[in-house]
Amino acid sequence: MSTIPKRGLEVFMRNGKRTFASRKRKIAGLSAFVLAGVIGVGAYAFTASNTVPAQAAGGGQAVVSGYAESGVSYTWNEAGTEITKVNFVLTSTEKLKPSDVKVALTAAAPTGADWVDCPAGSYVAKGTEETEIVCTFKAPGIANAAGLQLTVAAVSEGKVVVE
């Protein structure tokens, strides 16, 4: 039987420890790779089950022209102290009939509570460019001293939003 020098045995044992540690690192690396693969497949399976409806997006430009207001007339209560209605004509050179109209009759700049919706049933087409609008104010109406400034908001598509 041959004897291994003491120095040689230490080198042999160190090599064994390095081999075992190297195997641990390889197993840990392989486990991490397998775990990442499992997570990736799970994420794909989750997103593959989502359904998204078809959509469209785009950009463009269009002319935004305003309405010209004319022919304003007021209806008063019997005592002549309150304004109960306003009639006016909106003219659009683009021949667009308004889809929604709101008015405010105030002494200063209108606030949210001052606006009155003019129902679409009160819009009367007068030719291709003009639409007559009739708006009725909430009872008892607008006091004569408060009705100094008529403000009109109108759109050809959608609803007027006043904040």
C-alpha atoms as a PDB file:
ATOM      1  CA  MET A   1       0.000   0.000   0.000  1.00  0.00           C
ATOM      2  CA  SER A   2       1.346   3.340  -0.978  1.00  0.00           C
ATOM      3  CA  THR A   3       1.126   6.298   1.200  1.00  0.00           C
ATOM      4  CA  ILE A   4      -0.162   9.575  -0.041  1.00  0.00           C
ATOM      5  CA  PRO A   5       1.895  12.396   1.193  1.00  0.00           C
ATOM      6  CA  LYS A   6       0.059  14.639   3.566  1.00  0.00           C
ATOM      7  CA  ARG A   7       0.364  17.541   1.185  1.00  0.00           C
ATOM      8  CA  GLY A   8      -1.161  15.517  -1.671  1.00  0.00           C
ATOM      9  CA  LEU A   9      -4.177  14.500   0.412  1.00  0.00           C
ATOM     10  CA  GLU A  10      -5.043  18.125   1.150  1.00  0.00           C
ATOM     11  CA  VAL A  11      -4.909  18.966  -2.549  1.00  0.00           C
ATOM     12  CA  PHE A  12      -7.077  15.936  -3.363  1.00  0.00           C
ATOM     13  CA  MET A  13      -9.705  16.905  -0.780  1.00  0.00           C
ATOM     14  CA  ARG A  14      -9.773  20.532  -1.945  1.00  0.00           C
ATOM     15  CA  ASN A  15     -10.369  19.389  -5.471  1.00  0.00           C
ATOM     16  CA  GLY A  16     -13.296  17.283  -4.237  1.00  0.00           C
ATOM     17  CA  LYS A  17     -14.841  20.248  -2.422  1.00  0.00           C
ATOM     18  CA  ARG A  18     -14.507  22.395  -5.514  1.00  0.00           C
ATOM     19  CA  THR A  19     -16.194  19.740  -7.604  1.00  0.00           C
ATOM     20  CA  PHE A  20     -19.094  19.482  -5.142  1.00  0.00           C
ATOM     21  CA  ALA A  21     -19.450  23.296  -4.969  1.00  0.00           C
ATOM     22  CA  SER A  22     -19.299  23.484  -8.742  1.00  0.00           C
ATOM     23  CA  ARG A  23     -22.125  20.924  -8.983  1.00  0.00           C
ATOM     24  CA  LYS A  24     -24.209  22.982  -6.549  1.00  0.00           C
ATOM     25  CA  ARG A  25     -23.738  26.076  -8.708  1.00  0.00           C
ATOM     26  CA  LYS A  26     -24.652  24.156 -11.844  1.00  0.00           C
ATOM     27  CA  ILE A  27     -27.801  22.758 -10.197  1.00  0.00           C
ATOM     28  CA  ALA A  28     -28.760  26.214  -8.888  1.00  0.00           C
ATOM     29  CA  GLY A  29     -28.198  27.777 -12.330  1.00  0.00           C
ATOM     30  CA  LEU A  30     -30.210  25.041 -14.046  1.00  0.00           C
ATOM     31  CA  SER A  31     -33.007  25.431 -11.481  1.00  0.00           C
ATOM     32  CA  ALA A  32     -33.107  29.192 -12.057  1.00  0.00           C
ATOM     33  CA  PHE A  33     -33.266  28.632 -15.827  1.00  0.00           C
ATOM     34  CA  VAL A  34     -36.102  26.092 -15.475  1.00  0.00           C
ATOM     35  CA  LEU A  35     -37.977  28.414 -13.081  1.00  0.00           C
ATOM     36  CA  ALA A  36     -37.664  31.316 -15.530  1.00  0.00           C
ATOM     37  CA  GLY A  37     -39.004  29.088 -18.302  1.00  0.00           C
ATOM     38  CA  VAL A  38     -41.990  28.008 -16.195  1.00  0.00           C
ATOM     39  CA  ILE A  39     -42.771  31.642 -15.307  1.00  0.00           C
ATOM     40  CA  GLY A  40     -42.454  32.659 -18.961  1.00  0.00           C
ATOM     41  CA  VAL A  41     -44.839  29.926 -20.097  1.00  0.00           C
ATOM     42  CA  GLY A  42     -47.286  30.898 -17.343  1.00  0.00           C
ATOM     43  CA  ALA A  43     -47.157  34.565 -18.353  1.00  0.00           C
ATOM     44  CA  TYR A  44     -47.728  33.643 -22.006  1.00  0.00           C
ATOM     45  CA  ALA A  45     -50.668  31.440 -21.078  1.00  0.00           C
ATOM     46  CA  PHE A  46     -52.180  34.300 -19.051  1.00  0.00           C
ATOM     47  CA  THR A  47     -51.805  36.896 -21.802  1.00  0.00           C
ATOM     48  CA  ALA A  48     -52.886  34.498 -24.528  1.00  0.00           C
ATOM     49  CA  SER A  49     -56.266  34.136 -22.786  1.00  0.00           C
ATOM     50  CA  ASN A  50     -57.002  37.896 -22.885  1.00  0.00           C
ATOM     51  CA  THR A  51     -59.269  39.023 -25.686  1.00  0.00           C
ATOM     52  CA  VAL A  52     -59.118  42.589 -26.909  1.00  0.00           C
ATOM     53  CA  PRO A  53     -61.786  43.904 -29.266  1.00  0.00           C
ATOM     54  CA  ALA A  54     -60.724  45.408 -32.571  1.00  0.00           C
ATOM     55  CA  GLN A  55     -59.969  49.103 -32.300  1.00  0.00           C
ATOM     56  CA  ALA A  56     -58.940  51.904 -34.570  1.00  0.00           C
ATOM     57  CA  ALA A  57     -56.862  54.971 -33.909  1.00  0.00           C
ATOM     58  CA  GLY A  58     -55.788  57.797 -36.084  1.00  0.00           C
ATOM     59  CA  GLY A  59     -55.183  61.439 -36.442  1.00  0.00           C
ATOM     60  CA  GLY A  60     -56.405  64.074 -38.760  1.00  0.00           C
ATOM     61  CA  GLN A  61     -57.678  67.563 -38.961  1.00  0.00           C
ATOM     62  CA  ALA A  62     -60.916  69.284 -39.722  1.00  0.00           C
ATOM     63  CA  VAL A  63     -62.120  72.831 -39.910  1.00  0.00           C
ATOM     64  CA  VAL A  64     -63.714  74.046 -36.709  1.00  0.00           C
ATOM     65  CA  SER A  65     -65.974  76.887 -37.600  1.00  0.00           C
ATOM     66  CA  GLY A  66     -68.273  78.551 -35.164  1.00  0.00           C
ATOM     67  CA  TYR A  67     -71.925  79.346 -35.397  1.00  0.00           C
ATOM     68  CA  ALA A  68     -72.995  82.901 -36.028  1.00  0.00           C
ATOM     69  CA  GLU A  69     -75.818  84.049 -33.793  1.00  0.00           C
ATOM     70  CA  SER A  70     -78.462  86.446 -35.069  1.00  0.00           C
ATOM     71  CA  GLY A  71     -82.101  87.430 -34.734  1.00  0.00           C
ATOM     72  CA  VAL A  72     -82.170  87.350 -30.921  1.00  0.00           C
ATOM     73  CA  SER A  73     -85.589  88.035 -29.398  1.00  0.00           C
ATOM     74  CA  TYR A  74     -86.922  87.618 -25.867  1.00  0.00           C
ATOM     75  CA  THR A  75     -90.283  86.642 -24.408  1.00  0.00           C
ATOM     76  CA  TRP A  76     -91.313  88.368 -21.144  1.00  0.00           C
ATOM     77  CA  ASN A  77     -93.737  87.410 -18.404  1.00  0.00           C
ATOM     78  CA  GLU A  78     -97.056  89.302 -18.176  1.00  0.00           C
ATOM     79  CA  ALA A  79     -95.659  91.849 -15.748  1.00  0.00           C
ATOM     80  CA  GLY A  80     -92.677  92.517 -18.030  1.00  0.00           C
ATOM     81  CA  THR A  81     -90.177  91.951 -15.222  1.00  0.00           C
ATOM     82  CA  GLU A  82     -88.819  88.486 -16.079  1.00  0.00           C
ATOM     83  CA  ILE A  83     -87.409  87.045 -19.317  1.00  0.00           C
ATOM     84  CA  THR A  84     -88.967  83.597 -19.845  1.00  0.00           C
ATOM     85  CA  LYS A  85     -87.678  82.607 -23.313  1.00  0.00           C
ATOM     86  CA  VAL A  86     -85.038  83.502 -25.850  1.00  0.00           C
ATOM     87  CA  ASN A  87     -85.214  82.847 -29.604  1.00  0.00           C
ATOM     88  CA  PHE A  88     -82.236  83.163 -31.932  1.00  0.00           C
ATOM     89  CA  VAL A  89     -80.845  81.817 -35.187  1.00  0.00           C
ATOM     90  CA  LEU A  90     -77.564  79.906 -35.474  1.00  0.00           C
ATOM     91  CA  THR A  91     -75.915  80.048 -38.882  1.00  0.00           C
ATOM     92  CA  SER A  92     -73.242  77.560 -39.972  1.00  0.00           C
ATOM     93  CA  THR A  93     -71.370  78.117 -43.215  1.00  0.00           C
ATOM     94  CA  GLU A  94     -70.478  74.409 -43.045  1.00  0.00           C
ATOM     95  CA  LYS A  95     -74.229  73.619 -43.103  1.00  0.00           C
ATOM     96  CA  LEU A  96     -74.027  71.755 -39.781  1.00  0.00           C
ATOM     97  CA  LYS A  97     -77.196  71.572 -37.717  1.00  0.00           C
ATOM     98  CA  PRO A  98     -76.492  71.808 -33.958  1.00  0.00           C
ATOM     99  CA  SER A  99     -76.902  68.605 -31.938  1.00  0.00           C
ATOM    100  CA  ASP A 100     -76.953  70.375 -28.556  1.00  0.00           C
ATOM    101  CA  VAL A 101     -77.352  74.002 -27.470  1.00  0.00           C
ATOM    102  CA  LYS A 102     -77.150  75.656 -24.043  1.00  0.00           C
ATOM    103  CA  VAL A 103     -77.621  79.312 -23.132  1.00  0.00           C
ATOM    104  CA  ALA A 104     -76.937  81.533 -20.146  1.00  0.00           C
ATOM    105  CA  LEU A 105     -78.495  84.962 -19.631  1.00  0.00           C
ATOM    106  CA  THR A 106     -76.558  86.789 -16.924  1.00  0.00           C
ATOM    107  CA  ALA A 107     -75.285  90.173 -15.783  1.00  0.00           C
ATOM    108  CA  ALA A 108     -71.652  88.903 -15.708  1.00  0.00           C
ATOM    109  CA  ALA A 109     -69.730  85.832 -16.861  1.00  0.00           C
ATOM    110  CA  PRO A 110     -71.956  82.752 -16.484  1.00  0.00           C
ATOM    111  CA  THR A 111     -71.301  80.000 -13.929  1.00  0.00           C
ATOM    112  CA  GLY A 112     -72.376  76.361 -14.121  1.00  0.00           C
ATOM    113  CA  ALA A 113     -75.792  76.993 -12.544  1.00  0.00           C
ATOM    114  CA  ASP A 114     -76.635  79.753 -15.060  1.00  0.00           C
ATOM    115  CA  TRP A 115     -76.736  77.453 -18.093  1.00  0.00           C
ATOM    116  CA  VAL A 116     -80.060  76.237 -19.510  1.00  0.00           C
ATOM    117  CA  ASP A 117     -80.375  73.336 -21.936  1.00  0.00           C
ATOM    118  CA  CYS A 118     -82.311  74.073 -25.115  1.00  0.00           C
ATOM    119  CA  PRO A 119     -84.128  70.851 -26.050  1.00  0.00           C
ATOM    120  CA  ALA A 120     -83.394  69.477 -29.522  1.00  0.00           C
ATOM    121  CA  GLY A 121     -87.129  69.477 -30.256  1.00  0.00           C
ATOM    122  CA  SER A 122     -87.001  73.278 -30.307  1.00  0.00           C
ATOM    123  CA  TYR A 123     -84.488  73.428 -33.197  1.00  0.00           C
ATOM    124  CA  VAL A 124     -86.150  74.435 -36.469  1.00  0.00           C
ATOM    125  CA  ALA A 125     -84.115  74.277 -39.685  1.00  0.00           C
ATOM    126  CA  LYS A 126     -84.450  77.393 -41.825  1.00  0.00           C
ATOM    127  CA  GLY A 127     -82.697  76.501 -45.074  1.00  0.00           C
ATOM    128  CA  THR A 128     -79.401  74.627 -45.244  1.00  0.00           C
ATOM    129  CA  GLU A 129     -77.292  76.987 -43.123  1.00  0.00           C
ATOM    130  CA  GLU A 130     -79.666  78.349 -40.473  1.00  0.00           C
ATOM    131  CA  THR A 131     -81.347  76.796 -37.454  1.00  0.00           C
ATOM    132  CA  GLU A 132     -83.784  78.658 -35.205  1.00  0.00           C
ATOM    133  CA  ILE A 133     -83.409  77.827 -31.501  1.00  0.00           C
ATOM    134  CA  VAL A 134     -85.970  78.424 -28.725  1.00  0.00           C
ATOM    135  CA  CYS A 135     -84.831  78.179 -25.087  1.00  0.00           C
ATOM    136  CA  THR A 136     -87.131  78.445 -22.084  1.00  0.00           C
ATOM    137  CA  PHE A 137     -85.697  79.614 -18.774  1.00  0.00           C
ATOM    138  CA  LYS A 138     -86.714  77.997 -15.487  1.00  0.00           C
ATOM    139  CA  ALA A 139     -89.659  79.669 -13.727  1.00  0.00           C
ATOM    140  CA  PRO A 140     -89.998  82.447 -12.855  1.00  0.00           C
ATOM    141  CA  GLY A 141     -87.429  83.415 -15.523  1.00  0.00           C
ATOM    142  CA  ILE A 142     -84.448  85.776 -15.551  1.00  0.00           C
ATOM    143  CA  ALA A 143     -84.903  89.170 -13.866  1.00  0.00           C
ATOM    144  CA  ASN A 144     -84.638  92.102 -16.254  1.00  0.00           C
ATOM    145  CA  ALA A 145     -81.611  93.582 -14.432  1.00  0.00           C
ATOM    146  CA  ALA A 146     -79.803  90.202 -14.493  1.00  0.00           C
ATOM    147  CA  GLY A 147     -80.352  89.510 -18.206  1.00  0.00           C
ATOM    148  CA  LEU A 148     -77.667  91.725 -19.670  1.00  0.00           C
ATOM    149  CA  GLN A 149     -75.480  89.199 -21.489  1.00  0.00           C
ATOM    150  CA  LEU A 150     -76.615  86.209 -23.590  1.00  0.00           C
ATOM    151  CA  THR A 151     -73.993  83.446 -23.873  1.00  0.00           C
ATOM    152  CA  VAL A 152     -74.587  80.555 -26.290  1.00  0.00           C
ATOM    153  CA  ALA A 153     -72.749  77.215 -26.460  1.00  0.00           C
ATOM    154  CA  ALA A 154     -73.539  74.904 -29.391  1.00  0.00           C
ATOM    155  CA  VAL A 155     -71.991  71.788 -30.919  1.00  0.00           C
ATOM    156  CA  SER A 156     -72.763  69.886 -34.120  1.00  0.00           C
ATOM    157  CA  GLU A 157     -71.887  66.485 -32.599  1.00  0.00           C
ATOM    158  CA  GLY A 158     -72.283  65.239 -29.041  1.00  0.00           C
ATOM    159  CA  LYS A 159     -73.359  67.241 -26.004  1.00  0.00           C
ATOM    160  CA  VAL A 160     -72.340  70.655 -24.716  1.00  0.00           C
ATOM    161  CA  VAL A 161     -70.344  70.280 -21.496  1.00  0.00           C
ATOM    162  CA  VAL A 162     -70.178  73.359 -19.255  1.00  0.00           C
ATOM    163  CA  GLU A 163     -68.073  73.216 -16.112  1.00  0.00           C
END
